[in-house]
Amino acid sequence: MIKRDKLKPVIEKYKTYFPTYWRNSIDGGESCKWEAVKCFREHWDIDAPDFADMLSQALAKTGSLLNAAHFFAGGMLIAMARVEGEIVRQMFRSLFDETQELAQRITDFEDAAEKIRAAHDDGTWNSHYQYANAISTYLWLRYPEKYYVYKYTVCHDVAATLETDFQPKGNSAA
């Protein structure tokens, strides 16, 4: 439960802040995120003969959403698709299957990524980087009307501001 009296000022502040954030921010602003959605939609084809190449094109505009300092989810996923394209394709089929429970789909995606990482680690694949933030990004790219990019710090700050009992978790599906 949230304290509703805390919500209205947050919404008003966001409305004031949004026009500036749309155009200009450190991470490219909101407009860059919607360019990423457009690019994903133009290139996404789950049945593409070269899944890794299609994935690379579909994720081309995600920028810091999937690759930043010490976080290489997009690049790692493409690398995994180059060695296990059919497995990664199936990971996405399962992740995007809206008939299944969301938490299980996220857990399954993480588990499959770890299996690929472990099987192909040559000493450089220390992490698969496929955690809640990256997986929520894939879901958002595919279904932007339903999902949004999960960021623990943002979720934590919102929960604190709204004085809710909800305690967000870092890298987990729950």
N, C-alpha and C. Protein backbone atom coordinates (compact mmCIF):
# COMPACT_ATOMS: atom_id res chain seq x y z
N MET A 1 0.84 -1.17 0.00
CA MET A 1 0.00 0.00 0.00
C MET A 1 0.89 1.25 0.00
N ILE A 2 0.48 2.25 -0.75
CA ILE A 2 1.22 3.51 -0.77
C ILE A 2 0.42 4.59 -0.04
N LYS A 3 1.12 5.62 0.36
CA LYS A 3 0.45 6.78 0.94
C LYS A 3 0.05 7.68 -0.22
N ARG A 4 -1.23 7.68 -0.55
CA ARG A 4 -1.73 8.40 -1.71
C ARG A 4 -1.45 9.90 -1.67
N ASP A 5 -1.40 10.47 -0.49
CA ASP A 5 -1.12 11.91 -0.39
C ASP A 5 0.30 12.23 -0.85
N LYS A 6 1.17 11.25 -0.89
CA LYS A 6 2.55 11.43 -1.36
C LYS A 6 2.64 11.34 -2.88
N LEU A 7 1.65 10.73 -3.52
CA LEU A 7 1.70 10.47 -4.96
C LEU A 7 1.48 11.73 -5.79
N LYS A 8 0.50 12.53 -5.47
CA LYS A 8 0.17 13.70 -6.28
C LYS A 8 1.36 14.65 -6.46
N PRO A 9 2.09 15.01 -5.40
CA PRO A 9 3.25 15.89 -5.61
C PRO A 9 4.32 15.26 -6.51
N VAL A 10 4.48 13.95 -6.41
CA VAL A 10 5.46 13.26 -7.26
C VAL A 10 5.03 13.36 -8.73
N ILE A 11 3.77 13.14 -9.00
CA ILE A 11 3.26 13.23 -10.38
C ILE A 11 3.41 14.65 -10.91
N GLU A 12 3.08 15.64 -10.11
CA GLU A 12 3.21 17.04 -10.53
C GLU A 12 4.66 17.40 -10.83
N LYS A 13 5.56 16.96 -9.99
CA LYS A 13 6.98 17.22 -10.20
C LYS A 13 7.46 16.54 -11.48
N TYR A 14 7.01 15.31 -11.71
CA TYR A 14 7.39 14.58 -12.92
C TYR A 14 6.89 15.30 -14.17
N LYS A 15 5.66 15.79 -14.14
CA LYS A 15 5.11 16.52 -15.29
C LYS A 15 5.95 17.75 -15.62
N THR A 16 6.44 18.41 -14.60
CA THR A 16 7.28 19.60 -14.81
C THR A 16 8.65 19.20 -15.37
N TYR A 17 9.18 18.11 -14.86
CA TYR A 17 10.52 17.65 -15.22
C TYR A 17 10.57 16.97 -16.59
N PHE A 18 9.49 16.32 -16.98
CA PHE A 18 9.49 15.46 -18.17
C PHE A 18 9.92 16.16 -19.46
N PRO A 19 9.41 17.35 -19.81
CA PRO A 19 9.83 17.96 -21.09
C PRO A 19 11.33 18.13 -21.22
N THR A 20 11.99 18.48 -20.13
CA THR A 20 13.44 18.62 -20.16
C THR A 20 14.10 17.25 -20.30
N TYR A 21 13.62 16.28 -19.57
CA TYR A 21 14.20 14.94 -19.62
C TYR A 21 13.97 14.27 -20.97
N TRP A 22 12.87 14.57 -21.62
CA TRP A 22 12.58 13.98 -22.93
C TRP A 22 13.70 14.32 -23.91
N ARG A 23 14.17 15.55 -23.88
CA ARG A 23 15.14 16.02 -24.86
C ARG A 23 16.59 15.87 -24.43
N ASN A 24 16.88 15.97 -23.14
CA ASN A 24 18.27 16.12 -22.75
C ASN A 24 18.54 15.52 -21.37
N SER A 25 19.37 14.53 -21.35
CA SER A 25 19.84 14.00 -20.07
C SER A 25 21.14 13.24 -20.29
N ILE A 26 21.75 12.84 -19.23
CA ILE A 26 23.03 12.13 -19.32
C ILE A 26 22.90 10.86 -20.14
N ASP A 27 21.81 10.11 -19.97
CA ASP A 27 21.67 8.84 -20.69
C ASP A 27 20.88 8.97 -21.99
N GLY A 28 20.72 10.19 -22.50
CA GLY A 28 20.05 10.37 -23.79
C GLY A 28 18.59 10.75 -23.68
N GLY A 29 18.04 10.73 -22.50
CA GLY A 29 16.65 11.12 -22.33
C GLY A 29 15.67 10.06 -22.77
N GLU A 30 14.42 10.36 -22.54
CA GLU A 30 13.35 9.43 -22.88
C GLU A 30 13.22 9.23 -24.39
N SER A 31 13.49 10.25 -25.19
CA SER A 31 13.33 10.11 -26.64
C SER A 31 14.24 9.01 -27.18
N CYS A 32 15.44 8.87 -26.63
CA CYS A 32 16.35 7.81 -27.08
C CYS A 32 15.79 6.42 -26.78
N LYS A 33 15.09 6.32 -25.65
CA LYS A 33 14.49 5.03 -25.31
C LYS A 33 13.44 4.64 -26.34
N TRP A 34 12.67 5.60 -26.79
CA TRP A 34 11.62 5.28 -27.76
C TRP A 34 12.20 5.03 -29.15
N GLU A 35 13.37 5.60 -29.44
CA GLU A 35 14.06 5.25 -30.67
C GLU A 35 14.53 3.79 -30.59
N ALA A 36 14.93 3.36 -29.41
CA ALA A 36 15.33 1.96 -29.21
C ALA A 36 14.15 1.02 -29.43
N VAL A 37 12.96 1.40 -28.94
CA VAL A 37 11.76 0.59 -29.17
C VAL A 37 11.45 0.51 -30.66
N LYS A 38 11.53 1.63 -31.34
CA LYS A 38 11.25 1.66 -32.78
C LYS A 38 12.22 0.75 -33.54
N CYS A 39 13.51 0.85 -33.21
CA CYS A 39 14.52 0.02 -33.86
C CYS A 39 14.25 -1.46 -33.59
N PHE A 40 13.95 -1.79 -32.34
CA PHE A 40 13.66 -3.17 -31.99
C PHE A 40 12.49 -3.69 -32.81
N ARG A 41 11.43 -2.92 -32.88
CA ARG A 41 10.23 -3.36 -33.61
C ARG A 41 10.50 -3.53 -35.10
N GLU A 42 11.35 -2.68 -35.65
CA GLU A 42 11.67 -2.76 -37.08
C GLU A 42 12.50 -3.99 -37.41
N HIS A 43 13.32 -4.44 -36.47
CA HIS A 43 14.27 -5.52 -36.77
C HIS A 43 13.94 -6.85 -36.12
N TRP A 44 13.08 -6.87 -35.10
CA TRP A 44 12.81 -8.10 -34.38
C TRP A 44 12.09 -9.11 -35.25
N ASP A 45 12.66 -10.31 -35.34
CA ASP A 45 12.06 -11.43 -36.08
C ASP A 45 12.53 -12.71 -35.40
N ILE A 46 11.68 -13.26 -34.56
CA ILE A 46 12.05 -14.45 -33.79
C ILE A 46 12.45 -15.62 -34.69
N ASP A 47 11.99 -15.62 -35.93
CA ASP A 47 12.29 -16.70 -36.86
C ASP A 47 13.42 -16.38 -37.83
N ALA A 48 14.15 -15.31 -37.60
CA ALA A 48 15.24 -14.91 -38.50
C ALA A 48 16.24 -16.05 -38.66
N PRO A 49 16.70 -16.31 -39.89
CA PRO A 49 17.67 -17.39 -40.10
C PRO A 49 18.96 -17.18 -39.30
N ASP A 50 19.45 -15.94 -39.25
CA ASP A 50 20.65 -15.63 -38.46
C ASP A 50 20.18 -14.85 -37.23
N PHE A 51 19.83 -15.60 -36.18
CA PHE A 51 19.24 -14.99 -34.99
C PHE A 51 20.18 -13.98 -34.35
N ALA A 52 21.46 -14.29 -34.27
CA ALA A 52 22.43 -13.39 -33.63
C ALA A 52 22.53 -12.07 -34.38
N ASP A 53 22.55 -12.12 -35.70
CA ASP A 53 22.62 -10.89 -36.49
C ASP A 53 21.35 -10.08 -36.32
N MET A 54 20.20 -10.73 -36.37
CA MET A 54 18.93 -10.03 -36.17
C MET A 54 18.91 -9.39 -34.79
N LEU A 55 19.34 -10.12 -33.76
CA LEU A 55 19.35 -9.61 -32.40
C LEU A 55 20.26 -8.38 -32.30
N SER A 56 21.41 -8.44 -32.93
CA SER A 56 22.33 -7.32 -32.95
C SER A 56 21.67 -6.08 -33.56
N GLN A 57 20.98 -6.26 -34.66
CA GLN A 57 20.28 -5.15 -35.30
C GLN A 57 19.13 -4.63 -34.44
N ALA A 58 18.37 -5.54 -33.85
CA ALA A 58 17.21 -5.15 -33.04
C ALA A 58 17.64 -4.37 -31.79
N LEU A 59 18.80 -4.70 -31.24
CA LEU A 59 19.26 -4.04 -30.02
C LEU A 59 20.22 -2.88 -30.30
N ALA A 60 20.41 -2.54 -31.56
CA ALA A 60 21.41 -1.55 -31.96
C ALA A 60 21.25 -0.18 -31.32
N LYS A 61 20.06 0.22 -30.98
CA LYS A 61 19.84 1.56 -30.43
C LYS A 61 19.59 1.56 -28.92
N THR A 62 19.86 0.45 -28.27
CA THR A 62 19.59 0.39 -26.83
C THR A 62 20.65 1.12 -26.00
N GLY A 63 21.83 1.33 -26.54
CA GLY A 63 22.85 2.11 -25.85
C GLY A 63 23.04 1.72 -24.40
N SER A 64 22.97 2.71 -23.53
CA SER A 64 23.24 2.48 -22.10
C SER A 64 22.15 1.69 -21.39
N LEU A 65 21.04 1.43 -22.07
CA LEU A 65 20.03 0.57 -21.46
C LEU A 65 20.56 -0.84 -21.23
N LEU A 66 21.42 -1.30 -22.16
CA LEU A 66 21.92 -2.68 -22.07
C LEU A 66 23.44 -2.78 -22.00
N ASN A 67 24.13 -1.69 -22.17
CA ASN A 67 25.59 -1.71 -22.11
C ASN A 67 26.08 -0.41 -21.51
N ALA A 68 26.75 -0.51 -20.40
CA ALA A 68 27.31 0.66 -19.72
C ALA A 68 28.53 0.20 -18.94
N ALA A 69 29.11 1.10 -18.19
CA ALA A 69 30.28 0.74 -17.40
C ALA A 69 29.99 -0.47 -16.52
N HIS A 70 30.75 -1.51 -16.67
CA HIS A 70 30.64 -2.74 -15.87
C HIS A 70 29.31 -3.46 -16.06
N PHE A 71 28.62 -3.20 -17.16
CA PHE A 71 27.33 -3.84 -17.43
C PHE A 71 27.24 -4.04 -18.94
N PHE A 72 27.29 -5.28 -19.38
CA PHE A 72 27.36 -5.57 -20.81
C PHE A 72 26.29 -6.56 -21.23
N ALA A 73 25.06 -6.35 -20.78
CA ALA A 73 23.98 -7.32 -21.05
C ALA A 73 23.74 -7.51 -22.54
N GLY A 74 23.63 -6.43 -23.28
CA GLY A 74 23.35 -6.54 -24.71
C GLY A 74 24.46 -7.24 -25.47
N GLY A 75 25.68 -6.79 -25.26
CA GLY A 75 26.83 -7.40 -25.93
C GLY A 75 27.00 -8.85 -25.57
N MET A 76 26.79 -9.18 -24.31
CA MET A 76 26.93 -10.57 -23.86
C MET A 76 25.83 -11.43 -24.46
N LEU A 77 24.62 -10.92 -24.51
CA LEU A 77 23.52 -11.69 -25.09
C LEU A 77 23.78 -11.99 -26.56
N ILE A 78 24.29 -11.01 -27.29
CA ILE A 78 24.62 -11.22 -28.70
C ILE A 78 25.73 -12.25 -28.83
N ALA A 79 26.73 -12.17 -27.96
CA ALA A 79 27.82 -13.16 -27.97
C ALA A 79 27.27 -14.56 -27.71
N MET A 80 26.35 -14.67 -26.76
CA MET A 80 25.74 -15.97 -26.48
C MET A 80 24.93 -16.46 -27.68
N ALA A 81 24.25 -15.55 -28.36
CA ALA A 81 23.46 -15.93 -29.53
C ALA A 81 24.36 -16.40 -30.67
N ARG A 82 25.58 -15.89 -30.73
CA ARG A 82 26.52 -16.32 -31.79
C ARG A 82 26.97 -17.77 -31.58
N VAL A 83 27.01 -18.22 -30.32
CA VAL A 83 27.44 -19.60 -30.06
C VAL A 83 26.28 -20.55 -29.81
N GLU A 84 25.15 -20.02 -29.37
CA GLU A 84 23.97 -20.85 -29.06
C GLU A 84 22.69 -20.15 -29.53
N GLY A 85 22.66 -19.85 -30.82
CA GLY A 85 21.54 -19.10 -31.38
C GLY A 85 20.18 -19.69 -31.12
N GLU A 86 20.06 -21.00 -31.25
CA GLU A 86 18.74 -21.63 -31.06
C GLU A 86 18.31 -21.61 -29.60
N ILE A 87 19.26 -21.73 -28.71
CA ILE A 87 18.91 -21.66 -27.29
C ILE A 87 18.47 -20.24 -26.93
N VAL A 88 19.19 -19.24 -27.41
CA VAL A 88 18.82 -17.85 -27.12
C VAL A 88 17.47 -17.52 -27.77
N ARG A 89 17.25 -18.01 -28.97
CA ARG A 89 15.95 -17.83 -29.62
C ARG A 89 14.83 -18.39 -28.72
N GLN A 90 15.05 -19.58 -28.18
CA GLN A 90 14.05 -20.21 -27.31
C GLN A 90 13.90 -19.43 -26.00
N MET A 91 14.99 -18.87 -25.51
CA MET A 91 14.91 -18.03 -24.32
C MET A 91 13.93 -16.88 -24.54
N PHE A 92 14.00 -16.28 -25.73
CA PHE A 92 13.09 -15.18 -26.04
C PHE A 92 11.67 -15.66 -26.30
N ARG A 93 11.53 -16.79 -26.94
CA ARG A 93 10.18 -17.34 -27.12
C ARG A 93 9.49 -17.51 -25.76
N SER A 94 10.24 -18.05 -24.82
CA SER A 94 9.69 -18.27 -23.48
C SER A 94 9.47 -16.96 -22.74
N LEU A 95 10.43 -16.04 -22.82
CA LEU A 95 10.31 -14.77 -22.13
C LEU A 95 9.09 -13.99 -22.62
N PHE A 96 8.82 -14.04 -23.89
CA PHE A 96 7.73 -13.27 -24.48
C PHE A 96 6.39 -14.01 -24.47
N ASP A 97 6.36 -15.19 -23.87
CA ASP A 97 5.11 -15.98 -23.79
C ASP A 97 4.25 -15.44 -22.64
N GLU A 98 3.32 -14.59 -22.99
CA GLU A 98 2.49 -13.92 -21.99
C GLU A 98 1.50 -14.85 -21.29
N THR A 99 1.43 -16.10 -21.71
CA THR A 99 0.52 -17.04 -21.04
C THR A 99 1.17 -17.64 -19.79
N GLN A 100 2.47 -17.40 -19.62
CA GLN A 100 3.20 -17.94 -18.49
C GLN A 100 3.44 -16.86 -17.43
N GLU A 101 3.67 -17.29 -16.20
CA GLU A 101 3.91 -16.36 -15.10
C GLU A 101 5.21 -15.58 -15.33
N LEU A 102 5.15 -14.27 -15.12
CA LEU A 102 6.28 -13.39 -15.38
C LEU A 102 7.51 -13.77 -14.57
N ALA A 103 7.38 -13.96 -13.28
CA ALA A 103 8.54 -14.27 -12.44
C ALA A 103 9.25 -15.52 -12.92
N GLN A 104 8.50 -16.53 -13.34
CA GLN A 104 9.11 -17.77 -13.83
C GLN A 104 9.83 -17.53 -15.15
N ARG A 105 9.25 -16.72 -16.02
CA ARG A 105 9.90 -16.42 -17.31
C ARG A 105 11.23 -15.72 -17.09
N ILE A 106 11.26 -14.81 -16.13
CA ILE A 106 12.50 -14.08 -15.84
C ILE A 106 13.55 -15.03 -15.26
N THR A 107 13.14 -15.85 -14.32
CA THR A 107 14.05 -16.83 -13.71
C THR A 107 14.59 -17.79 -14.77
N ASP A 108 13.72 -18.28 -15.63
CA ASP A 108 14.14 -19.21 -16.68
C ASP A 108 15.14 -18.56 -17.63
N PHE A 109 14.93 -17.29 -17.97
CA PHE A 109 15.84 -16.57 -18.86
C PHE A 109 17.23 -16.47 -18.20
N GLU A 110 17.25 -16.07 -16.94
CA GLU A 110 18.52 -15.98 -16.20
C GLU A 110 19.22 -17.34 -16.13
N ASP A 111 18.48 -18.38 -15.82
CA ASP A 111 19.06 -19.72 -15.70
C ASP A 111 19.65 -20.20 -17.02
N ALA A 112 18.92 -19.98 -18.11
CA ALA A 112 19.41 -20.40 -19.43
C ALA A 112 20.67 -19.62 -19.80
N ALA A 113 20.69 -18.33 -19.48
CA ALA A 113 21.88 -17.51 -19.76
C ALA A 113 23.08 -18.03 -18.98
N GLU A 114 22.86 -18.41 -17.74
CA GLU A 114 23.96 -18.93 -16.93
C GLU A 114 24.48 -20.25 -17.48
N LYS A 115 23.59 -21.10 -17.98
CA LYS A 115 24.03 -22.37 -18.57
C LYS A 115 24.90 -22.12 -19.80
N ILE A 116 24.51 -21.18 -20.64
CA ILE A 116 25.32 -20.85 -21.82
C ILE A 116 26.66 -20.28 -21.37
N ARG A 117 26.63 -19.35 -20.43
CA ARG A 117 27.87 -18.75 -19.95
C ARG A 117 28.83 -19.81 -19.41
N ALA A 118 28.32 -20.69 -18.59
CA ALA A 118 29.16 -21.73 -17.98
C ALA A 118 29.72 -22.68 -19.04
N ALA A 119 28.93 -23.01 -20.03
CA ALA A 119 29.35 -23.95 -21.06
C ALA A 119 30.41 -23.36 -22.00
N HIS A 120 30.40 -22.06 -22.17
CA HIS A 120 31.29 -21.44 -23.16
C HIS A 120 32.31 -20.48 -22.55
N ASP A 121 32.41 -20.45 -21.24
CA ASP A 121 33.35 -19.54 -20.59
C ASP A 121 34.78 -19.96 -20.86
N ASP A 122 35.50 -19.06 -21.50
CA ASP A 122 36.91 -19.31 -21.78
C ASP A 122 37.80 -18.51 -20.82
N GLY A 123 37.20 -18.09 -19.74
CA GLY A 123 37.92 -17.27 -18.77
C GLY A 123 37.55 -15.79 -18.89
N THR A 124 36.81 -15.44 -19.93
CA THR A 124 36.41 -14.04 -20.12
C THR A 124 34.92 -13.81 -19.88
N TRP A 125 34.16 -14.88 -19.84
CA TRP A 125 32.71 -14.75 -19.62
C TRP A 125 32.42 -14.89 -18.13
N ASN A 126 32.76 -13.87 -17.37
CA ASN A 126 32.60 -13.92 -15.92
C ASN A 126 31.16 -13.72 -15.47
N SER A 127 30.35 -13.12 -16.32
CA SER A 127 28.94 -12.89 -16.00
C SER A 127 28.14 -12.93 -17.29
N HIS A 128 26.89 -13.33 -17.17
CA HIS A 128 26.01 -13.29 -18.34
C HIS A 128 25.24 -11.97 -18.40
N TYR A 129 25.19 -11.22 -17.30
CA TYR A 129 24.57 -9.90 -17.19
C TYR A 129 23.06 -9.90 -17.44
N GLN A 130 22.45 -11.05 -17.52
CA GLN A 130 21.02 -11.13 -17.82
C GLN A 130 20.23 -11.17 -16.51
N TYR A 131 20.09 -10.01 -15.91
CA TYR A 131 19.38 -9.88 -14.65
C TYR A 131 18.12 -9.04 -14.84
N ALA A 132 17.44 -8.72 -13.77
CA ALA A 132 16.14 -8.05 -13.84
C ALA A 132 16.15 -6.81 -14.71
N ASN A 133 17.17 -5.98 -14.61
CA ASN A 133 17.21 -4.76 -15.42
C ASN A 133 17.24 -5.08 -16.91
N ALA A 134 18.14 -5.96 -17.33
CA ALA A 134 18.25 -6.30 -18.75
C ALA A 134 17.00 -7.02 -19.24
N ILE A 135 16.53 -7.98 -18.47
CA ILE A 135 15.37 -8.76 -18.89
C ILE A 135 14.13 -7.87 -18.98
N SER A 136 13.98 -6.95 -18.04
CA SER A 136 12.84 -6.03 -18.13
C SER A 136 12.97 -5.13 -19.36
N THR A 137 14.19 -4.84 -19.76
CA THR A 137 14.40 -4.04 -20.97
C THR A 137 13.93 -4.81 -22.20
N TYR A 138 14.26 -6.10 -22.27
CA TYR A 138 13.79 -6.89 -23.41
C TYR A 138 12.26 -6.94 -23.45
N LEU A 139 11.66 -7.15 -22.28
CA LEU A 139 10.20 -7.18 -22.21
C LEU A 139 9.61 -5.84 -22.64
N TRP A 140 10.20 -4.76 -22.19
CA TRP A 140 9.72 -3.42 -22.53
C TRP A 140 9.88 -3.14 -24.03
N LEU A 141 11.01 -3.57 -24.61
CA LEU A 141 11.20 -3.36 -26.04
C LEU A 141 10.11 -4.07 -26.85
N ARG A 142 9.72 -5.25 -26.40
CA ARG A 142 8.70 -6.05 -27.10
C ARG A 142 7.28 -5.59 -26.78
N TYR A 143 7.04 -5.23 -25.52
CA TYR A 143 5.70 -4.83 -25.08
C TYR A 143 5.77 -3.50 -24.31
N PRO A 144 6.10 -2.39 -24.98
CA PRO A 144 6.28 -1.12 -24.26
C PRO A 144 5.00 -0.60 -23.60
N GLU A 145 3.87 -1.08 -24.06
CA GLU A 145 2.61 -0.65 -23.45
C GLU A 145 2.34 -1.36 -22.12
N LYS A 146 3.09 -2.43 -21.85
CA LYS A 146 2.85 -3.23 -20.65
C LYS A 146 4.00 -3.17 -19.63
N TYR A 147 5.23 -3.12 -20.11
CA TYR A 147 6.40 -3.21 -19.23
C TYR A 147 7.23 -1.94 -19.30
N TYR A 148 8.07 -1.80 -18.31
CA TYR A 148 9.05 -0.71 -18.34
C TYR A 148 10.36 -1.24 -17.79
N VAL A 149 11.41 -0.50 -17.99
CA VAL A 149 12.74 -0.90 -17.57
C VAL A 149 12.84 -0.83 -16.05
N TYR A 150 13.15 -1.98 -15.44
CA TYR A 150 13.30 -2.05 -13.99
C TYR A 150 14.70 -1.60 -13.58
N LYS A 151 14.73 -0.62 -12.72
CA LYS A 151 15.99 -0.19 -12.13
C LYS A 151 15.78 -0.20 -10.62
N TYR A 152 16.57 -0.99 -9.96
CA TYR A 152 16.42 -1.14 -8.52
C TYR A 152 16.42 0.19 -7.79
N THR A 153 17.39 1.05 -8.09
CA THR A 153 17.50 2.31 -7.35
C THR A 153 16.27 3.19 -7.55
N VAL A 154 15.75 3.23 -8.76
CA VAL A 154 14.55 4.03 -9.03
C VAL A 154 13.36 3.44 -8.26
N CYS A 155 13.19 2.14 -8.35
CA CYS A 155 12.09 1.47 -7.66
C CYS A 155 12.21 1.68 -6.14
N HIS A 156 13.41 1.55 -5.63
CA HIS A 156 13.65 1.75 -4.19
C HIS A 156 13.29 3.17 -3.78
N ASP A 157 13.73 4.15 -4.58
CA ASP A 157 13.46 5.55 -4.25
C ASP A 157 11.97 5.87 -4.31
N VAL A 158 11.27 5.32 -5.30
CA VAL A 158 9.83 5.54 -5.41
C VAL A 158 9.12 4.92 -4.21
N ALA A 159 9.50 3.71 -3.86
CA ALA A 159 8.88 3.05 -2.71
C ALA A 159 9.10 3.86 -1.43
N ALA A 160 10.28 4.40 -1.27
CA ALA A 160 10.57 5.21 -0.08
C ALA A 160 9.77 6.50 -0.10
N THR A 161 9.72 7.16 -1.24
CA THR A 161 8.98 8.42 -1.36
C THR A 161 7.50 8.24 -1.09
N LEU A 162 6.94 7.14 -1.58
CA LEU A 162 5.51 6.87 -1.39
C LEU A 162 5.22 6.17 -0.06
N GLU A 163 6.27 5.95 0.71
CA GLU A 163 6.17 5.33 2.04
C GLU A 163 5.36 4.03 2.02
N THR A 164 5.77 3.15 1.13
CA THR A 164 5.12 1.86 1.00
C THR A 164 5.87 0.80 1.78
N ASP A 165 5.20 -0.30 2.05
CA ASP A 165 5.85 -1.43 2.70
C ASP A 165 6.66 -2.26 1.70
N PHE A 166 6.44 -2.03 0.42
CA PHE A 166 7.11 -2.79 -0.64
C PHE A 166 8.62 -2.58 -0.57
N GLN A 167 9.34 -3.67 -0.60
CA GLN A 167 10.79 -3.64 -0.62
C GLN A 167 11.29 -4.25 -1.92
N PRO A 168 11.69 -3.44 -2.89
CA PRO A 168 12.16 -4.01 -4.16
C PRO A 168 13.44 -4.81 -3.96
N LYS A 169 13.64 -5.76 -4.84
CA LYS A 169 14.82 -6.59 -4.80
C LYS A 169 15.72 -6.24 -5.97
N GLY A 170 16.98 -6.47 -5.80
CA GLY A 170 17.96 -6.18 -6.83
C GLY A 170 17.80 -7.08 -8.04
N ASN A 171 18.68 -8.01 -8.20
CA ASN A 171 18.68 -8.89 -9.37
C ASN A 171 17.87 -10.15 -9.11
N SER A 172 16.55 -10.00 -9.18
CA SER A 172 15.71 -11.18 -9.00
C SER A 172 14.39 -10.97 -9.70
N ALA A 173 13.69 -12.03 -9.90
CA ALA A 173 12.40 -11.97 -10.57
C ALA A 173 11.28 -11.60 -9.62
N ALA A 174 11.47 -11.75 -8.34
CA ALA A 174 10.39 -11.49 -7.37
C ALA A 174 10.27 -10.04 -7.00
